[in-house]
Amino acid sequence: MSAPAAPPDLHGILVIDKPLGMTSMRVVERVRYRASKARTGHAGTLDPLATGVLVVAIGRATKSIDRLMAGEKRYETTIDLSAFTTTDDSEGERTEVPAGAPSIESVRDACSRWLGEVMQRPPAFSAIKVQGRRSYDLARSGEARELAARPVMIHGIEIDAYDFPMLSLRVHCGKGTYIRSLARDLGTALGTGGHCRSIRRTQVGIYDIGQAIRMDDLPESIVQGMLLPLPA
């Protein structure tokens, strides 16, 4: 059955609570179909193994994607300090690191070293382009490259829970920050391993998880009244 015709003025923001295992582009494809194939894009990729806020722009709102992507972000993550992995998350091959449990004071000190503007090396399994190819494609074909570190801004790191080897954090950061890289770097600083067991984005700019719609609750036809306005 064909999708209904899109209203000519269908434009605005839809905040999706991206489910585990789905790519950000797959979310966009589903929203586009239900928005009667209106122009659609997202403001910042979430990894398939991450969940939470994916800001989807529809219609004329897609012209503001770069501005939306520049907004500050908030994440909740659980880090496994017992091992590094090839992907910096639980999907990759593990390298166990035999280490004693760092004290909570040591964990706080390690977190504090990553506040402010810091140099961060993106994961090899990322969408960054290397000589015209996605870094994750190179990594999957056995041609992984160590990507150059670049400046990112981390405004705050709060410890939610710590029971070695699991460390749960809330992170407030700027554009381009990789939570998987933060997990790896904290493990290195602590002399342990470090990879993300879970990542949940709770806010992008002015849009937060309280405004998000689950994919299972997305209606068959998106109408203008569902969409949020762009920030001023």
C-alpha atoms as a PDB file:
ATOM      1  CA  MET A   1       0.000   0.000   0.000  1.00  0.00           C
ATOM      2  CA  SER A   2       1.451   3.390  -0.969  1.00  0.00           C
ATOM      3  CA  ALA A   3       2.163   6.041   1.648  1.00  0.00           C
ATOM      4  CA  PRO A   4      -0.331   8.927   1.913  1.00  0.00           C
ATOM      5  CA  ALA A   5       0.558  12.208   0.231  1.00  0.00           C
ATOM      6  CA  ALA A   6       2.637  14.542   2.399  1.00  0.00           C
ATOM      7  CA  PRO A   7       1.117  17.847   3.415  1.00  0.00           C
ATOM      8  CA  PRO A   8       3.056  20.616   1.682  1.00  0.00           C
ATOM      9  CA  ASP A   9       3.914  22.264   5.000  1.00  0.00           C
ATOM     10  CA  LEU A  10       5.116  19.115   6.813  1.00  0.00           C
ATOM     11  CA  HIS A  11       8.290  20.269   8.510  1.00  0.00           C
ATOM     12  CA  GLY A  12       9.791  20.211  11.985  1.00  0.00           C
ATOM     13  CA  ILE A  13      11.544  17.914  14.456  1.00  0.00           C
ATOM     14  CA  LEU A  14      10.683  14.424  15.587  1.00  0.00           C
ATOM     15  CA  VAL A  15      12.609  13.104  18.592  1.00  0.00           C
ATOM     16  CA  ILE A  16      12.974   9.341  18.403  1.00  0.00           C
ATOM     17  CA  ASP A  17      14.061   6.992  21.193  1.00  0.00           C
ATOM     18  CA  LYS A  18      16.299   4.843  19.000  1.00  0.00           C
ATOM     19  CA  PRO A  19      16.090   1.166  19.951  1.00  0.00           C
ATOM     20  CA  LEU A  20      19.027  -1.144  20.528  1.00  0.00           C
ATOM     21  CA  GLY A  21      20.403  -2.755  17.369  1.00  0.00           C
ATOM     22  CA  MET A  22      18.876  -0.372  14.827  1.00  0.00           C
ATOM     23  CA  THR A  23      21.061   1.972  12.775  1.00  0.00           C
ATOM     24  CA  SER A  24      20.322   5.691  12.762  1.00  0.00           C
ATOM     25  CA  MET A  25      19.786   5.595   8.995  1.00  0.00           C
ATOM     26  CA  ARG A  26      17.226   2.816   9.370  1.00  0.00           C
ATOM     27  CA  VAL A  27      15.293   5.043  11.782  1.00  0.00           C
ATOM     28  CA  VAL A  28      15.419   7.876   9.234  1.00  0.00           C
ATOM     29  CA  GLU A  29      14.157   5.559   6.477  1.00  0.00           C
ATOM     30  CA  ARG A  30      11.177   4.486   8.573  1.00  0.00           C
ATOM     31  CA  VAL A  31      10.339   8.048   9.570  1.00  0.00           C
ATOM     32  CA  ARG A  32      10.645   9.206   5.928  1.00  0.00           C
ATOM     33  CA  TYR A  33       8.140   6.595   4.768  1.00  0.00           C
ATOM     34  CA  ARG A  34       5.677   7.503   7.502  1.00  0.00           C
ATOM     35  CA  ALA A  35       6.157  11.194   6.717  1.00  0.00           C
ATOM     36  CA  SER A  36       4.950  10.451   3.169  1.00  0.00           C
ATOM     37  CA  LYS A  37       8.518  10.440   1.853  1.00  0.00           C
ATOM     38  CA  ALA A  38       9.205  14.027   2.908  1.00  0.00           C
ATOM     39  CA  ARG A  39      12.863  15.028   2.995  1.00  0.00           C
ATOM     40  CA  THR A  40      14.302  13.614   6.217  1.00  0.00           C
ATOM     41  CA  GLY A  41      17.660  13.495   8.013  1.00  0.00           C
ATOM     42  CA  HIS A  42      19.121  13.063  11.493  1.00  0.00           C
ATOM     43  CA  ALA A  43      21.233  15.380  13.630  1.00  0.00           C
ATOM     44  CA  GLY A  44      23.991  13.086  14.894  1.00  0.00           C
ATOM     45  CA  THR A  45      24.508   9.347  14.458  1.00  0.00           C
ATOM     46  CA  LEU A  46      23.918   6.889  17.273  1.00  0.00           C
ATOM     47  CA  ASP A  47      25.739   3.554  17.061  1.00  0.00           C
ATOM     48  CA  PRO A  48      23.505   0.486  16.581  1.00  0.00           C
ATOM     49  CA  LEU A  49      24.374  -0.634  20.132  1.00  0.00           C
ATOM     50  CA  ALA A  50      23.419   2.773  21.562  1.00  0.00           C
ATOM     51  CA  THR A  51      19.876   3.859  22.409  1.00  0.00           C
ATOM     52  CA  GLY A  52      18.111   7.096  23.122  1.00  0.00           C
ATOM     53  CA  VAL A  53      17.628  10.523  21.592  1.00  0.00           C
ATOM     54  CA  LEU A  54      17.913  10.697  17.817  1.00  0.00           C
ATOM     55  CA  VAL A  55      16.794  14.082  16.517  1.00  0.00           C
ATOM     56  CA  VAL A  56      15.117  13.626  13.126  1.00  0.00           C
ATOM     57  CA  ALA A  57      14.515  16.684  10.945  1.00  0.00           C
ATOM     58  CA  ILE A  58      11.699  16.666   8.406  1.00  0.00           C
ATOM     59  CA  GLY A  59      11.048  18.944   5.432  1.00  0.00           C
ATOM     60  CA  ARG A  60      12.524  22.439   5.675  1.00  0.00           C
ATOM     61  CA  ALA A  61      13.948  21.573   9.097  1.00  0.00           C
ATOM     62  CA  THR A  62      16.642  19.490   7.355  1.00  0.00           C
ATOM     63  CA  LYS A  63      18.336  22.771   6.400  1.00  0.00           C
ATOM     64  CA  SER A  64      19.167  23.224  10.108  1.00  0.00           C
ATOM     65  CA  ILE A  65      20.799  19.824  10.677  1.00  0.00           C
ATOM     66  CA  ASP A  66      24.314  21.256  11.028  1.00  0.00           C
ATOM     67  CA  ARG A  67      23.085  23.710  13.668  1.00  0.00           C
ATOM     68  CA  LEU A  68      21.246  20.953  15.529  1.00  0.00           C
ATOM     69  CA  MET A  69      24.328  18.706  15.493  1.00  0.00           C
ATOM     70  CA  ALA A  70      26.366  21.481  17.134  1.00  0.00           C
ATOM     71  CA  GLY A  71      24.208  21.310  20.271  1.00  0.00           C
ATOM     72  CA  GLU A  72      25.507  19.900  23.554  1.00  0.00           C
ATOM     73  CA  LYS A  73      24.660  16.297  24.371  1.00  0.00           C
ATOM     74  CA  ARG A  74      24.071  14.166  27.461  1.00  0.00           C
ATOM     75  CA  TYR A  75      24.670  10.433  27.774  1.00  0.00           C
ATOM     76  CA  GLU A  76      24.332   7.650  30.320  1.00  0.00           C
ATOM     77  CA  THR A  77      26.858   4.853  29.933  1.00  0.00           C
ATOM     78  CA  THR A  78      28.026   1.735  31.739  1.00  0.00           C
ATOM     79  CA  ILE A  79      31.709   0.962  31.254  1.00  0.00           C
ATOM     80  CA  ASP A  80      33.299  -2.468  31.761  1.00  0.00           C
ATOM     81  CA  LEU A  81      36.791  -1.901  33.169  1.00  0.00           C
ATOM     82  CA  SER A  82      37.843  -5.552  32.869  1.00  0.00           C
ATOM     83  CA  ALA A  83      38.808  -5.499  29.161  1.00  0.00           C
ATOM     84  CA  PHE A  84      39.481  -3.436  26.065  1.00  0.00           C
ATOM     85  CA  THR A  85      37.731  -4.392  22.825  1.00  0.00           C
ATOM     86  CA  THR A  86      38.412  -3.807  19.143  1.00  0.00           C
ATOM     87  CA  THR A  87      35.248  -1.710  18.820  1.00  0.00           C
ATOM     88  CA  ASP A  88      35.399  -0.023  22.252  1.00  0.00           C
ATOM     89  CA  ASP A  89      31.994  -1.550  22.990  1.00  0.00           C
ATOM     90  CA  SER A  90      30.673  -5.020  23.815  1.00  0.00           C
ATOM     91  CA  GLU A  91      30.445  -6.074  20.151  1.00  0.00           C
ATOM     92  CA  GLY A  92      34.210  -6.311  19.570  1.00  0.00           C
ATOM     93  CA  GLU A  93      36.859  -8.888  20.388  1.00  0.00           C
ATOM     94  CA  ARG A  94      37.907  -8.638  24.043  1.00  0.00           C
ATOM     95  CA  THR A  95      41.401  -8.251  25.444  1.00  0.00           C
ATOM     96  CA  GLU A  96      41.246  -9.012  29.139  1.00  0.00           C
ATOM     97  CA  VAL A  97      43.288  -6.808  31.463  1.00  0.00           C
ATOM     98  CA  PRO A  98      44.109  -8.444  34.810  1.00  0.00           C
ATOM     99  CA  ALA A  99      43.982  -5.563  37.268  1.00  0.00           C
ATOM    100  CA  GLY A 100      42.873  -4.851  40.793  1.00  0.00           C
ATOM    101  CA  ALA A 101      39.838  -2.685  41.416  1.00  0.00           C
ATOM    102  CA  PRO A 102      40.792   1.026  41.435  1.00  0.00           C
ATOM    103  CA  SER A 103      39.486   3.014  44.369  1.00  0.00           C
ATOM    104  CA  ILE A 104      36.558   5.363  43.872  1.00  0.00           C
ATOM    105  CA  GLU A 105      38.985   8.235  44.468  1.00  0.00           C
ATOM    106  CA  SER A 106      41.148   6.992  41.597  1.00  0.00           C
ATOM    107  CA  VAL A 107      38.082   6.764  39.368  1.00  0.00           C
ATOM    108  CA  ARG A 108      37.058  10.327  40.247  1.00  0.00           C
ATOM    109  CA  ASP A 109      40.588  11.548  39.528  1.00  0.00           C
ATOM    110  CA  ALA A 110      40.650   9.770  36.146  1.00  0.00           C
ATOM    111  CA  CYS A 111      37.290  11.291  35.211  1.00  0.00           C
ATOM    112  CA  SER A 112      38.482  14.773  36.163  1.00  0.00           C
ATOM    113  CA  ARG A 113      41.416  14.490  33.737  1.00  0.00           C
ATOM    114  CA  TRP A 114      38.947  14.289  30.847  1.00  0.00           C
ATOM    115  CA  LEU A 115      37.038  17.478  31.634  1.00  0.00           C
ATOM    116  CA  GLY A 116      37.258  20.581  29.476  1.00  0.00           C
ATOM    117  CA  GLU A 117      38.725  20.659  26.006  1.00  0.00           C
ATOM    118  CA  VAL A 118      40.666  17.437  25.559  1.00  0.00           C
ATOM    119  CA  MET A 119      42.259  15.573  22.675  1.00  0.00           C
ATOM    120  CA  GLN A 120      40.307  12.403  21.902  1.00  0.00           C
ATOM    121  CA  ARG A 121      41.118   9.647  19.415  1.00  0.00           C
ATOM    122  CA  PRO A 122      37.940   8.371  17.711  1.00  0.00           C
ATOM    123  CA  PRO A 123      37.279   4.599  17.620  1.00  0.00           C
ATOM    124  CA  ALA A 124      38.536   2.684  14.596  1.00  0.00           C
ATOM    125  CA  PHE A 125      34.947   1.493  14.182  1.00  0.00           C
ATOM    126  CA  SER A 126      33.451   4.907  13.425  1.00  0.00           C
ATOM    127  CA  ALA A 127      31.922   6.695  10.447  1.00  0.00           C
ATOM    128  CA  ILE A 128      34.882   9.035   9.993  1.00  0.00           C
ATOM    129  CA  LYS A 129      36.217   8.964   6.439  1.00  0.00           C
ATOM    130  CA  VAL A 130      39.822   7.922   5.736  1.00  0.00           C
ATOM    131  CA  GLN A 131      40.881   8.603   2.141  1.00  0.00           C
ATOM    132  CA  GLY A 132      37.271   8.431   1.025  1.00  0.00           C
ATOM    133  CA  ARG A 133      36.357   5.265   2.939  1.00  0.00           C
ATOM    134  CA  ARG A 134      34.510   4.919   6.232  1.00  0.00           C
ATOM    135  CA  SER A 135      36.811   3.953   9.067  1.00  0.00           C
ATOM    136  CA  TYR A 136      34.491   1.111  10.114  1.00  0.00           C
ATOM    137  CA  ASP A 137      34.666  -0.363   6.605  1.00  0.00           C
ATOM    138  CA  LEU A 138      38.464  -0.365   6.781  1.00  0.00           C
ATOM    139  CA  ALA A 139      38.369  -1.956  10.247  1.00  0.00           C
ATOM    140  CA  ARG A 140      35.953  -4.678   9.144  1.00  0.00           C
ATOM    141  CA  SER A 141      38.197  -5.553   6.198  1.00  0.00           C
ATOM    142  CA  GLY A 142      41.249  -5.860   8.452  1.00  0.00           C
ATOM    143  CA  GLU A 143      42.697  -2.488   7.432  1.00  0.00           C
ATOM    144  CA  ALA A 144      41.998  -0.610  10.672  1.00  0.00           C
ATOM    145  CA  ARG A 145      43.803   2.721  10.976  1.00  0.00           C
ATOM    146  CA  GLU A 146      44.591   4.567  14.188  1.00  0.00           C
ATOM    147  CA  LEU A 147      42.689   7.800  13.739  1.00  0.00           C
ATOM    148  CA  ALA A 148      44.234  11.124  14.683  1.00  0.00           C
ATOM    149  CA  ALA A 149      43.160  12.644  17.983  1.00  0.00           C
ATOM    150  CA  ARG A 150      41.023  15.753  17.757  1.00  0.00           C
ATOM    151  CA  PRO A 151      39.757  18.316  20.267  1.00  0.00           C
ATOM    152  CA  VAL A 152      36.394  17.721  21.928  1.00  0.00           C
ATOM    153  CA  MET A 153      34.670  19.407  24.855  1.00  0.00           C
ATOM    154  CA  ILE A 154      33.526  17.435  27.902  1.00  0.00           C
ATOM    155  CA  HIS A 155      31.563  19.664  30.269  1.00  0.00           C
ATOM    156  CA  GLY A 156      30.869  17.166  33.023  1.00  0.00           C
ATOM    157  CA  ILE A 157      31.240  13.536  34.123  1.00  0.00           C
ATOM    158  CA  GLU A 158      29.167  12.268  37.057  1.00  0.00           C
ATOM    159  CA  ILE A 159      29.593   8.843  38.636  1.00  0.00           C
ATOM    160  CA  ASP A 160      26.223   7.128  39.035  1.00  0.00           C
ATOM    161  CA  ALA A 161      27.473   3.776  40.347  1.00  0.00           C
ATOM    162  CA  TYR A 162      30.727   1.890  40.723  1.00  0.00           C
ATOM    163  CA  ASP A 163      31.048  -1.807  41.454  1.00  0.00           C
ATOM    164  CA  PHE A 164      34.236  -3.007  39.769  1.00  0.00           C
ATOM    165  CA  PRO A 165      34.460  -3.798  36.948  1.00  0.00           C
ATOM    166  CA  MET A 166      31.268  -1.864  36.159  1.00  0.00           C
ATOM    167  CA  LEU A 167      31.275   1.927  36.203  1.00  0.00           C
ATOM    168  CA  SER A 168      28.127   3.913  35.367  1.00  0.00           C
ATOM    169  CA  LEU A 169      28.517   7.547  34.305  1.00  0.00           C
ATOM    170  CA  ARG A 170      26.496  10.536  33.152  1.00  0.00           C
ATOM    171  CA  VAL A 171      28.384  12.579  30.560  1.00  0.00           C
ATOM    172  CA  HIS A 172      27.664  16.118  29.364  1.00  0.00           C
ATOM    173  CA  CYS A 173      29.672  16.906  26.254  1.00  0.00           C
ATOM    174  CA  GLY A 174      29.945  18.809  23.006  1.00  0.00           C
ATOM    175  CA  LYS A 175      29.789  17.872  19.343  1.00  0.00           C
ATOM    176  CA  GLY A 176      32.033  15.049  18.128  1.00  0.00           C
ATOM    177  CA  THR A 177      32.666  13.397  21.503  1.00  0.00           C
ATOM    178  CA  TYR A 178      32.789   9.594  21.409  1.00  0.00           C
ATOM    179  CA  ILE A 179      31.604   7.928  24.616  1.00  0.00           C
ATOM    180  CA  ARG A 180      33.329   4.718  23.489  1.00  0.00           C
ATOM    181  CA  SER A 181      36.622   6.598  23.297  1.00  0.00           C
ATOM    182  CA  LEU A 182      36.041   8.011  26.777  1.00  0.00           C
ATOM    183  CA  ALA A 183      35.556   4.462  28.106  1.00  0.00           C
ATOM    184  CA  ARG A 184      38.798   3.324  26.488  1.00  0.00           C
ATOM    185  CA  ASP A 185      40.720   6.379  27.722  1.00  0.00           C
ATOM    186  CA  LEU A 186      39.448   6.035  31.290  1.00  0.00           C
ATOM    187  CA  GLY A 187      40.541   2.392  31.298  1.00  0.00           C
ATOM    188  CA  THR A 188      43.985   3.396  30.088  1.00  0.00           C
ATOM    189  CA  ALA A 189      44.261   6.088  32.771  1.00  0.00           C
ATOM    190  CA  LEU A 190      43.219   3.617  35.480  1.00  0.00           C
ATOM    191  CA  GLY A 191      45.511   0.813  34.303  1.00  0.00           C
ATOM    192  CA  THR A 192      42.489  -1.409  33.655  1.00  0.00           C
ATOM    193  CA  GLY A 193      40.488  -2.219  30.555  1.00  0.00           C
ATOM    194  CA  GLY A 194      37.685  -0.027  29.326  1.00  0.00           C
ATOM    195  CA  HIS A 195      34.795  -0.449  26.912  1.00  0.00           C
ATOM    196  CA  CYS A 196      31.125   0.534  26.854  1.00  0.00           C
ATOM    197  CA  ARG A 197      28.589  -2.071  27.853  1.00  0.00           C
ATOM    198  CA  SER A 198      25.741   0.356  27.167  1.00  0.00           C
ATOM    199  CA  ILE A 199      25.265   3.894  25.876  1.00  0.00           C
ATOM    200  CA  ARG A 200      22.045   5.899  26.105  1.00  0.00           C
ATOM    201  CA  ARG A 201      21.781   9.451  24.799  1.00  0.00           C
ATOM    202  CA  THR A 202      19.338  11.473  26.857  1.00  0.00           C
ATOM    203  CA  GLN A 203      19.613  14.936  25.305  1.00  0.00           C
ATOM    204  CA  VAL A 204      20.664  16.737  22.118  1.00  0.00           C
ATOM    205  CA  GLY A 205      20.515  20.521  22.412  1.00  0.00           C
ATOM    206  CA  ILE A 206      17.054  21.469  23.691  1.00  0.00           C
ATOM    207  CA  TYR A 207      15.574  18.057  22.858  1.00  0.00           C
ATOM    208  CA  ASP A 208      15.526  15.387  25.561  1.00  0.00           C
ATOM    209  CA  ILE A 209      14.402  11.841  26.180  1.00  0.00           C
ATOM    210  CA  GLY A 210      11.130  13.025  27.722  1.00  0.00           C
ATOM    211  CA  GLN A 211      10.058  14.239  24.267  1.00  0.00           C
ATOM    212  CA  ALA A 212      11.116  11.065  22.475  1.00  0.00           C
ATOM    213  CA  ILE A 213       8.783   8.634  20.718  1.00  0.00           C
ATOM    214  CA  ARG A 214       9.536   4.909  20.737  1.00  0.00           C
ATOM    215  CA  MET A 215       9.676   3.355  17.275  1.00  0.00           C
ATOM    216  CA  ASP A 216       6.965   0.893  18.327  1.00  0.00           C
ATOM    217  CA  ASP A 217       4.692   3.842  19.111  1.00  0.00           C
ATOM    218  CA  LEU A 218       5.319   5.698  15.854  1.00  0.00           C
ATOM    219  CA  PRO A 219       2.032   5.957  13.935  1.00  0.00           C
ATOM    220  CA  GLU A 220       1.682   4.832  10.347  1.00  0.00           C
ATOM    221  CA  SER A 221       1.256   8.421   9.208  1.00  0.00           C
ATOM    222  CA  ILE A 222       3.176  11.366  10.697  1.00  0.00           C
ATOM    223  CA  VAL A 223       1.243  14.644  10.749  1.00  0.00           C
ATOM    224  CA  GLN A 224       2.362  18.216  11.358  1.00  0.00           C
ATOM    225  CA  GLY A 225       0.880  18.312  14.847  1.00  0.00           C
ATOM    226  CA  MET A 226       3.359  15.646  16.013  1.00  0.00           C
ATOM    227  CA  LEU A 227       6.414  17.692  15.078  1.00  0.00           C
ATOM    228  CA  LEU A 228       8.370  20.006  17.357  1.00  0.00           C
ATOM    229  CA  PRO A 229       9.615  23.420  16.211  1.00  0.00           C
ATOM    230  CA  LEU A 230      13.252  24.231  15.595  1.00  0.00           C
ATOM    231  CA  PRO A 231      15.055  26.075  18.400  1.00  0.00           C
ATOM    232  CA  ALA A 232      15.097  29.846  18.003  1.00  0.00           C
END
